[in-house]
Amino acid sequence: MARVLIKGNEVIAEAALRADVDAFFGYPITPQNEVPEYLARELPKKGKVFLQSESELAGINMVLGASAAGARVMTSSSGPGLCLMLEAISSMALTRLPAVIIDVMRSGPGAGDLAPAQEDWKLSGNGAYKIPILLPGNVQELANMVYEAFDIADQYGTPVLVLADGMLGQMMEPVDFEKLPLRRTNLPDKPWRMASVSEKGYRTQMQLTFGKPLTEFTDRFENETMPEIKKNETRYEAFGLEDADIVVAAYGTAARMAKAAIKELHTDKKIGFIRPMTAWPFPEEPFRQIGKSCKAVICPEINTIGQMIDDVRIAVNGRMPVYHVGNTKTGPLNTENVVRALEAYLKEEVK
């Protein structure tokens, strides 16, 4: 299999197989059901584990257990399921257990509906932690990021979240599996793996309680692991920033809409573009590169109110106003919405 036309959800599963995933635990939920369907068919052929759990809560705790045993493991869900996983994700982050979590986003609140969305940016839970969050912009990037997420998880001993909007999961595009990233060669020899008391060099117990060892874990994560992740894993795409009159910042499918809108716009104004490819670490550097001529940053997101926009405002640090463009009462964000918002701002700015 080299360059093929394939759906985003199926490419998630195929990339995981090529990354030598050992086990998948999860529960069906639209719009990502093709992920477990694909793996249910293919993992047993390789003598590996697929198990449909009774809930997302059960699934993520199975992921925790398999990771603690040294397995390369994953789950996939959407926003409502991710909410149920947060307690276990925080425990994995603070006990330094690697795993890959795929979130194909749909609209909320709560159980929500089936409309594609970008509403899960603010991953949060009970605990002092952050985990790497990758933001694919097309199906090829989805393949690359899922494939690489397993190595990132193992390298830093952390869960890694791949955040893909529902459009990307259901989209079909050409993917070249020969262009997957190179496997990392600097991975540790699974020091997190639980083992018997007679096997030296591995943990024989895990404990998270107030005081030690919890404070030791969190201190080490903040002062050792987080700086390394920020240094090595922060990603973005950007152009036209130094002399831009306006900058558009967007990710995922919204970034594709933004690029299309910039091309369609008939104006002599210069428009810059920033696409974060990681939600955390958030790429602050391109926002520092925005020149003094910029009057505003526009943030198209497939949601109402805006979520990424808060991180953009922090990165901009008050140098210029930041505006949200999102869903309307007639439906999710589209390219025409972005074009109209840019035109309206430029018209007002000219006044």
Foldseek 3Di string as FASTA:
>chain_A
DFKDWDFLLLLLQVLCVVLVAQEEEEADDPPNNVNLVNCVPPNVVVVGYYDYDPALLVRLVVVVVCQQQPGAYEYEEEDLSLVSNLVSQQVQALLLGEYEYEYAYDDDDHSRDRHWFDDCLPRDDPHDGDAWEFFDAASQSSSQCSNCSSQVCQALSHYYYYYAINCRNGDIDIYGPVPHDDRDDPGDPSQSHADPPVDPSHDPDDDDDPDPPSVVSSVCCVPPRLVVCVVPPWDKDKDDAAQAQEEEEETHNQLVLLVVLVVVADDPGHYMYMYGRISVVGDLVSLVNHHLNHAEYEYETFDPPDDSQVVSCVSNVPSHYYYYQFADPVGTDGSVSNNVVVVVVVVVVVD
